[in-house]
Amino acid sequence: MSETAQGTQGSAGNAHIDSICDFVRETLESMSDVITPPEQACQHFRESRLEFLRGVRAIVDHRIDRLSRKNQSGERVNVE
């Protein structure tokens, strides 16, 4: 096969790959428009995340307080 024939087949193969890539890109772009939530929902999720972290911090603080109490001495048990 001559070099010009191979070059023509290579160009056709590249064009096919390019068209597939364009189709995939366009499909993904249209899907992102559909699944992207509105800005109001994004703001709500950001605030919700902060409230969740504040709740976790409250749990950790409570546990630290319980572990830091001075009155947590064990009972004395006599062993015979």
PDB file of N, CA and C in Angstrom:
ATOM      1  N   MET A   1       0.850  -1.174   0.000  1.00  0.00           N
ATOM      2  CA  MET A   1       0.000   0.000   0.000  1.00  0.00           C
ATOM      3  C   MET A   1       0.894   1.235   0.000  1.00  0.00           C
ATOM      4  N   SER A   2       0.531   2.245  -0.743  1.00  0.00           N
ATOM      5  CA  SER A   2       1.368   3.434  -0.839  1.00  0.00           C
ATOM      6  C   SER A   2       1.154   4.343   0.362  1.00  0.00           C
ATOM      7  N   GLU A   3       2.075   5.290   0.540  1.00  0.00           N
ATOM      8  CA  GLU A   3       1.984   6.201   1.683  1.00  0.00           C
ATOM      9  C   GLU A   3       0.745   7.080   1.602  1.00  0.00           C
ATOM     10  N   THR A   4       0.321   7.479   0.415  1.00  0.00           N
ATOM     11  CA  THR A   4      -0.863   8.336   0.273  1.00  0.00           C
ATOM     12  C   THR A   4      -2.121   7.564   0.632  1.00  0.00           C
ATOM     13  N   ALA A   5      -2.182   6.298   0.317  1.00  0.00           N
ATOM     14  CA  ALA A   5      -3.351   5.487   0.668  1.00  0.00           C
ATOM     15  C   ALA A   5      -3.426   5.301   2.176  1.00  0.00           C
ATOM     16  N   GLN A   6      -2.271   5.081   2.820  1.00  0.00           N
ATOM     17  CA  GLN A   6      -2.262   4.928   4.272  1.00  0.00           C
ATOM     18  C   GLN A   6      -2.647   6.245   4.944  1.00  0.00           C
ATOM     19  N   GLY A   7      -2.176   7.363   4.419  1.00  0.00           N
ATOM     20  CA  GLY A   7      -2.509   8.670   4.970  1.00  0.00           C
ATOM     21  C   GLY A   7      -3.992   8.960   4.870  1.00  0.00           C
ATOM     22  N   THR A   8      -4.619   8.552   3.789  1.00  0.00           N
ATOM     23  CA  THR A   8      -6.053   8.770   3.612  1.00  0.00           C
ATOM     24  C   THR A   8      -6.847   7.944   4.606  1.00  0.00           C
ATOM     25  N   GLN A   9      -6.451   6.681   4.824  1.00  0.00           N
ATOM     26  CA  GLN A   9      -7.145   5.835   5.787  1.00  0.00           C
ATOM     27  C   GLN A   9      -6.944   6.362   7.199  1.00  0.00           C
ATOM     28  N   GLY A  10      -5.760   6.849   7.512  1.00  0.00           N
ATOM     29  CA  GLY A  10      -5.491   7.406   8.836  1.00  0.00           C
ATOM     30  C   GLY A  10      -6.334   8.637   9.097  1.00  0.00           C
ATOM     31  N   SER A  11      -6.499   9.476   8.097  1.00  0.00           N
ATOM     32  CA  SER A  11      -7.312  10.685   8.253  1.00  0.00           C
ATOM     33  C   SER A  11      -8.774  10.325   8.484  1.00  0.00           C
ATOM     34  N   ALA A  12      -9.251   9.310   7.775  1.00  0.00           N
ATOM     35  CA  ALA A  12     -10.640   8.881   7.946  1.00  0.00           C
ATOM     36  C   ALA A  12     -10.855   8.305   9.346  1.00  0.00           C
ATOM     37  N   GLY A  13      -9.882   7.535   9.836  1.00  0.00           N
ATOM     38  CA  GLY A  13      -9.970   6.972  11.183  1.00  0.00           C
ATOM     39  C   GLY A  13      -9.953   8.062  12.237  1.00  0.00           C
ATOM     40  N   ASN A  14      -9.092   9.061  12.052  1.00  0.00           N
ATOM     41  CA  ASN A  14      -9.031  10.180  12.995  1.00  0.00           C
ATOM     42  C   ASN A  14     -10.328  10.982  12.992  1.00  0.00           C
ATOM     43  N   ALA A  15     -10.912  11.162  11.829  1.00  0.00           N
ATOM     44  CA  ALA A  15     -12.173  11.898  11.728  1.00  0.00           C
ATOM     45  C   ALA A  15     -13.276  11.156  12.477  1.00  0.00           C
ATOM     46  N   HIS A  16     -13.276   9.840  12.370  1.00  0.00           N
ATOM     47  CA  HIS A  16     -14.280   9.035  13.066  1.00  0.00           C
ATOM     48  C   HIS A  16     -14.103   9.159  14.579  1.00  0.00           C
ATOM     49  N   ILE A  17     -12.852   9.072  15.041  1.00  0.00           N
ATOM     50  CA  ILE A  17     -12.567   9.213  16.476  1.00  0.00           C
ATOM     51  C   ILE A  17     -12.956  10.604  16.957  1.00  0.00           C
ATOM     52  N   ASP A  18     -12.648  11.639  16.151  1.00  0.00           N
ATOM     53  CA  ASP A  18     -13.013  13.009  16.517  1.00  0.00           C
ATOM     54  C   ASP A  18     -14.517  13.173  16.633  1.00  0.00           C
ATOM     55  N   SER A  19     -15.265  12.538  15.723  1.00  0.00           N
ATOM     56  CA  SER A  19     -16.725  12.668  15.787  1.00  0.00           C
ATOM     57  C   SER A  19     -17.273  11.957  17.018  1.00  0.00           C
ATOM     58  N   ILE A  20     -16.679  10.829  17.398  1.00  0.00           N
ATOM     59  CA  ILE A  20     -17.097  10.133  18.618  1.00  0.00           C
ATOM     60  C   ILE A  20     -16.803  10.992  19.836  1.00  0.00           C
ATOM     61  N   CYS A  21     -15.611  11.584  19.873  1.00  0.00           N
ATOM     62  CA  CYS A  21     -15.242  12.448  21.000  1.00  0.00           C
ATOM     63  C   CYS A  21     -16.169  13.659  21.089  1.00  0.00           C
ATOM     64  N   ASP A  22     -16.511  14.250  19.943  1.00  0.00           N
ATOM     65  CA  ASP A  22     -17.432  15.388  19.940  1.00  0.00           C
ATOM     66  C   ASP A  22     -18.799  14.970  20.478  1.00  0.00           C
ATOM     67  N   PHE A  23     -19.274  13.797  20.060  1.00  0.00           N
ATOM     68  CA  PHE A  23     -20.569  13.303  20.541  1.00  0.00           C
ATOM     69  C   PHE A  23     -20.552  13.107  22.057  1.00  0.00           C
ATOM     70  N   VAL A  24     -19.487  12.488  22.573  1.00  0.00           N
ATOM     71  CA  VAL A  24     -19.375  12.246  24.012  1.00  0.00           C
ATOM     72  C   VAL A  24     -19.327  13.573  24.765  1.00  0.00           C
ATOM     73  N   ARG A  25     -18.525  14.525  24.265  1.00  0.00           N
ATOM     74  CA  ARG A  25     -18.419  15.833  24.913  1.00  0.00           C
ATOM     75  C   ARG A  25     -19.768  16.539  24.956  1.00  0.00           C
ATOM     76  N   GLU A  26     -20.484  16.560  23.839  1.00  0.00           N
ATOM     77  CA  GLU A  26     -21.792  17.214  23.782  1.00  0.00           C
ATOM     78  C   GLU A  26     -22.794  16.534  24.713  1.00  0.00           C
ATOM     79  N   THR A  27     -22.743  15.210  24.762  1.00  0.00           N
ATOM     80  CA  THR A  27     -23.645  14.470  25.645  1.00  0.00           C
ATOM     81  C   THR A  27     -23.368  14.801  27.102  1.00  0.00           C
ATOM     82  N   LEU A  28     -22.099  14.817  27.486  1.00  0.00           N
ATOM     83  CA  LEU A  28     -21.749  15.140  28.870  1.00  0.00           C
ATOM     84  C   LEU A  28     -22.118  16.571  29.232  1.00  0.00           C
ATOM     85  N   GLU A  29     -21.945  17.498  28.306  1.00  0.00           N
ATOM     86  CA  GLU A  29     -22.326  18.883  28.567  1.00  0.00           C
ATOM     87  C   GLU A  29     -23.832  19.002  28.780  1.00  0.00           C
ATOM     88  N   SER A  30     -24.616  18.313  27.965  1.00  0.00           N
ATOM     89  CA  SER A  30     -26.071  18.394  28.132  1.00  0.00           C
ATOM     90  C   SER A  30     -26.507  17.717  29.423  1.00  0.00           C
ATOM     91  N   MET A  31     -25.814  16.646  29.821  1.00  0.00           N
ATOM     92  CA  MET A  31     -26.154  15.983  31.083  1.00  0.00           C
ATOM     93  C   MET A  31     -25.812  16.875  32.264  1.00  0.00           C
ATOM     94  N   SER A  32     -24.722  17.620  32.197  1.00  0.00           N
ATOM     95  CA  SER A  32     -24.345  18.475  33.316  1.00  0.00           C
ATOM     96  C   SER A  32     -25.376  19.582  33.505  1.00  0.00           C
ATOM     97  N   ASP A  33     -25.968  20.070  32.429  1.00  0.00           N
ATOM     98  CA  ASP A  33     -27.015  21.085  32.543  1.00  0.00           C
ATOM     99  C   ASP A  33     -28.242  20.519  33.252  1.00  0.00           C
ATOM    100  N   VAL A  34     -28.518  19.247  33.042  1.00  0.00           N
ATOM    101  CA  VAL A  34     -29.704  18.618  33.616  1.00  0.00           C
ATOM    102  C   VAL A  34     -29.511  18.306  35.099  1.00  0.00           C
ATOM    103  N   ILE A  35     -28.322  17.842  35.489  1.00  0.00           N
ATOM    104  CA  ILE A  35     -28.129  17.372  36.861  1.00  0.00           C
ATOM    105  C   ILE A  35     -27.545  18.419  37.800  1.00  0.00           C
ATOM    106  N   THR A  36     -27.153  19.590  37.289  1.00  0.00           N
ATOM    107  CA  THR A  36     -26.622  20.640  38.151  1.00  0.00           C
ATOM    108  C   THR A  36     -27.777  21.298  38.894  1.00  0.00           C
ATOM    109  N   PRO A  37     -27.725  21.294  40.249  1.00  0.00           N
ATOM    110  CA  PRO A  37     -28.831  21.899  41.001  1.00  0.00           C
ATOM    111  C   PRO A  37     -28.799  23.420  40.886  1.00  0.00           C
ATOM    112  N   PRO A  38     -29.935  24.065  41.111  1.00  0.00           N
ATOM    113  CA  PRO A  38     -29.965  25.527  41.066  1.00  0.00           C
ATOM    114  C   PRO A  38     -29.138  26.119  42.209  1.00  0.00           C
ATOM    115  N   GLU A  39     -28.768  27.373  42.077  1.00  0.00           N
ATOM    116  CA  GLU A  39     -27.905  28.028  43.055  1.00  0.00           C
ATOM    117  C   GLU A  39     -28.524  28.027  44.448  1.00  0.00           C
ATOM    118  N   GLN A  40     -29.833  28.173  44.544  1.00  0.00           N
ATOM    119  CA  GLN A  40     -30.502  28.156  45.855  1.00  0.00           C
ATOM    120  C   GLN A  40     -30.283  26.812  46.551  1.00  0.00           C
ATOM    121  N   ALA A  41     -30.349  25.723  45.820  1.00  0.00           N
ATOM    122  CA  ALA A  41     -30.115  24.402  46.400  1.00  0.00           C
ATOM    123  C   ALA A  41     -28.655  24.256  46.818  1.00  0.00           C
ATOM    124  N   CYS A  42     -27.733  24.749  46.006  1.00  0.00           N
ATOM    125  CA  CYS A  42     -26.308  24.683  46.358  1.00  0.00           C
ATOM    126  C   CYS A  42     -26.047  25.449  47.649  1.00  0.00           C
ATOM    127  N   GLN A  43     -26.647  26.627  47.794  1.00  0.00           N
ATOM    128  CA  GLN A  43     -26.478  27.411  49.014  1.00  0.00           C
ATOM    129  C   GLN A  43     -27.019  26.644  50.218  1.00  0.00           C
ATOM    130  N   HIS A  44     -28.157  26.015  50.073  1.00  0.00           N
ATOM    131  CA  HIS A  44     -28.745  25.229  51.156  1.00  0.00           C
ATOM    132  C   HIS A  44     -27.814  24.079  51.561  1.00  0.00           C
ATOM    133  N   PHE A  45     -27.246  23.391  50.572  1.00  0.00           N
ATOM    134  CA  PHE A  45     -26.336  22.288  50.870  1.00  0.00           C
ATOM    135  C   PHE A  45     -25.081  22.768  51.585  1.00  0.00           C
ATOM    136  N   ARG A  46     -24.553  23.936  51.189  1.00  0.00           N
ATOM    137  CA  ARG A  46     -23.376  24.484  51.869  1.00  0.00           C
ATOM    138  C   ARG A  46     -23.694  24.783  53.333  1.00  0.00           C
ATOM    139  N   GLU A  47     -24.844  25.412  53.579  1.00  0.00           N
ATOM    140  CA  GLU A  47     -25.244  25.726  54.952  1.00  0.00           C
ATOM    141  C   GLU A  47     -25.498  24.449  55.752  1.00  0.00           C
ATOM    142  N   SER A  48     -26.085  23.467  55.120  1.00  0.00           N
ATOM    143  CA  SER A  48     -26.351  22.192  55.780  1.00  0.00           C
ATOM    144  C   SER A  48     -25.047  21.514  56.182  1.00  0.00           C
ATOM    145  N   ARG A  49     -24.057  21.579  55.334  1.00  0.00           N
ATOM    146  CA  ARG A  49     -22.756  20.983  55.642  1.00  0.00           C
ATOM    147  C   ARG A  49     -22.143  21.643  56.874  1.00  0.00           C
ATOM    148  N   LEU A  50     -22.269  22.965  56.960  1.00  0.00           N
ATOM    149  CA  LEU A  50     -21.746  23.681  58.124  1.00  0.00           C
ATOM    150  C   LEU A  50     -22.473  23.270  59.394  1.00  0.00           C
ATOM    151  N   GLU A  51     -23.794  23.147  59.323  1.00  0.00           N
ATOM    152  CA  GLU A  51     -24.566  22.728  60.500  1.00  0.00           C
ATOM    153  C   GLU A  51     -24.193  21.308  60.924  1.00  0.00           C
ATOM    154  N   PHE A  52     -23.963  20.439  59.967  1.00  0.00           N
ATOM    155  CA  PHE A  52     -23.552  19.077  60.282  1.00  0.00           C
ATOM    156  C   PHE A  52     -22.213  19.078  61.022  1.00  0.00           C
ATOM    157  N   LEU A  53     -21.256  19.858  60.526  1.00  0.00           N
ATOM    158  CA  LEU A  53     -19.948  19.930  61.175  1.00  0.00           C
ATOM    159  C   LEU A  53     -20.046  20.533  62.574  1.00  0.00           C
ATOM    160  N   ARG A  54     -20.943  21.501  62.754  1.00  0.00           N
ATOM    161  CA  ARG A  54     -21.146  22.069  64.090  1.00  0.00           C
ATOM    162  C   ARG A  54     -21.712  21.017  65.039  1.00  0.00           C
ATOM    163  N   GLY A  55     -22.587  20.174  64.538  1.00  0.00           N
ATOM    164  CA  GLY A  55     -23.121  19.085  65.352  1.00  0.00           C
ATOM    165  C   GLY A  55     -22.042  18.101  65.766  1.00  0.00           C
ATOM    166  N   VAL A  56     -21.168  17.760  64.817  1.00  0.00           N
ATOM    167  CA  VAL A  56     -20.058  16.858  65.134  1.00  0.00           C
ATOM    168  C   VAL A  56     -19.148  17.502  66.176  1.00  0.00           C
ATOM    169  N   ARG A  57     -18.903  18.788  66.045  1.00  0.00           N
ATOM    170  CA  ARG A  57     -18.059  19.489  67.017  1.00  0.00           C
ATOM    171  C   ARG A  57     -18.701  19.462  68.402  1.00  0.00           C
ATOM    172  N   ALA A  58     -20.023  19.624  68.473  1.00  0.00           N
ATOM    173  CA  ALA A  58     -20.713  19.569  69.761  1.00  0.00           C
ATOM    174  C   ALA A  58     -20.570  18.192  70.408  1.00  0.00           C
ATOM    175  N   ILE A  59     -20.656  17.139  69.606  1.00  0.00           N
ATOM    176  CA  ILE A  59     -20.485  15.781  70.132  1.00  0.00           C
ATOM    177  C   ILE A  59     -19.069  15.596  70.664  1.00  0.00           C
ATOM    178  N   VAL A  60     -18.072  16.049  69.912  1.00  0.00           N
ATOM    179  CA  VAL A  60     -16.680  15.912  70.340  1.00  0.00           C
ATOM    180  C   VAL A  60     -16.441  16.711  71.624  1.00  0.00           C
ATOM    181  N   ASP A  61     -16.951  17.945  71.674  1.00  0.00           N
ATOM    182  CA  ASP A  61     -16.794  18.768  72.879  1.00  0.00           C
ATOM    183  C   ASP A  61     -17.435  18.098  74.093  1.00  0.00           C
ATOM    184  N   HIS A  62     -18.607  17.517  73.914  1.00  0.00           N
ATOM    185  CA  HIS A  62     -19.297  16.836  75.005  1.00  0.00           C
ATOM    186  C   HIS A  62     -18.461  15.662  75.509  1.00  0.00           C
ATOM    187  N   ARG A  63     -17.905  14.902  74.585  1.00  0.00           N
ATOM    188  CA  ARG A  63     -17.084  13.747  74.970  1.00  0.00           C
ATOM    189  C   ARG A  63     -15.810  14.192  75.696  1.00  0.00           C
ATOM    190  N   ILE A  64     -15.205  15.260  75.244  1.00  0.00           N
ATOM    191  CA  ILE A  64     -14.012  15.795  75.917  1.00  0.00           C
ATOM    192  C   ILE A  64     -14.359  16.227  77.332  1.00  0.00           C
ATOM    193  N   ASP A  65     -15.503  16.902  77.485  1.00  0.00           N
ATOM    194  CA  ASP A  65     -15.935  17.319  78.826  1.00  0.00           C
ATOM    195  C   ASP A  65     -16.132  16.124  79.741  1.00  0.00           C
ATOM    196  N   ARG A  66     -16.760  15.084  79.240  1.00  0.00           N
ATOM    197  CA  ARG A  66     -16.992  13.890  80.061  1.00  0.00           C
ATOM    198  C   ARG A  66     -15.685  13.228  80.465  1.00  0.00           C
ATOM    199  N   LEU A  67     -14.727  13.184  79.571  1.00  0.00           N
ATOM    200  CA  LEU A  67     -13.444  12.556  79.872  1.00  0.00           C
ATOM    201  C   LEU A  67     -12.567  13.421  80.786  1.00  0.00           C
ATOM    202  N   SER A  68     -12.831  14.713  80.800  1.00  0.00           N
ATOM    203  CA  SER A  68     -12.011  15.628  81.590  1.00  0.00           C
ATOM    204  C   SER A  68     -12.519  15.826  83.014  1.00  0.00           C
ATOM    205  N   ARG A  69     -13.636  15.259  83.375  1.00  0.00           N
ATOM    206  CA  ARG A  69     -14.180  15.435  84.725  1.00  0.00           C
ATOM    207  C   ARG A  69     -13.197  14.893  85.758  1.00  0.00           C
ATOM    208  N   LYS A  70     -13.072  15.612  86.859  1.00  0.00           N
ATOM    209  CA  LYS A  70     -12.150  15.196  87.913  1.00  0.00           C
ATOM    210  C   LYS A  70     -12.761  14.121  88.807  1.00  0.00           C
ATOM    211  N   ASN A  71     -14.055  13.999  88.862  1.00  0.00           N
ATOM    212  CA  ASN A  71     -14.727  13.068  89.763  1.00  0.00           C
ATOM    213  C   ASN A  71     -14.807  11.655  89.189  1.00  0.00           C
ATOM    214  N   GLN A  72     -14.024  11.345  88.228  1.00  0.00           N
ATOM    215  CA  GLN A  72     -14.096  10.024  87.616  1.00  0.00           C
ATOM    216  C   GLN A  72     -13.016   9.107  88.187  1.00  0.00           C
ATOM    217  N   SER A  73     -13.012   8.956  89.474  1.00  0.00           N
ATOM    218  CA  SER A  73     -12.066   8.011  90.057  1.00  0.00           C
ATOM    219  C   SER A  73     -12.767   6.670  90.230  1.00  0.00           C
ATOM    220  N   GLY A  74     -12.007   5.612  90.161  1.00  0.00           N
ATOM    221  CA  GLY A  74     -12.582   4.285  90.282  1.00  0.00           C
ATOM    222  C   GLY A  74     -12.910   3.945  91.727  1.00  0.00           C
ATOM    223  N   GLU A  75     -13.619   2.847  91.925  1.00  0.00           N
ATOM    224  CA  GLU A  75     -13.957   2.388  93.278  1.00  0.00           C
ATOM    225  C   GLU A  75     -12.824   1.541  93.824  1.00  0.00           C
ATOM    226  N   ARG A  76     -12.631   1.649  95.122  1.00  0.00           N
ATOM    227  CA  ARG A  76     -11.606   0.833  95.768  1.00  0.00           C
ATOM    228  C   ARG A  76     -12.234  -0.506  96.123  1.00  0.00           C
ATOM    229  N   VAL A  77     -11.563  -1.568  95.747  1.00  0.00           N
ATOM    230  CA  VAL A  77     -12.053  -2.918  95.992  1.00  0.00           C
ATOM    231  C   VAL A  77     -10.972  -3.656  96.796  1.00  0.00           C
ATOM    232  N   ASN A  78     -11.391  -4.248  97.909  1.00  0.00           N
ATOM    233  CA  ASN A  78     -10.453  -5.036  98.722  1.00  0.00           C
ATOM    234  C   ASN A  78     -10.291  -6.435  98.124  1.00  0.00           C
ATOM    235  N   VAL A  79      -9.060  -6.836  97.984  1.00  0.00           N
ATOM    236  CA  VAL A  79      -8.769  -8.155  97.441  1.00  0.00           C
ATOM    237  C   VAL A  79      -8.196  -8.997  98.571  1.00  0.00           C
ATOM    238  N   GLU A  80      -8.761 -10.160  98.767  1.00  0.00           N
ATOM    239  CA  GLU A  80      -8.321 -11.036  99.858  1.00  0.00           C
ATOM    240  C   GLU A  80      -7.181 -11.905  99.448  1.00  0.00           C
TER     241      GLU A  80
END
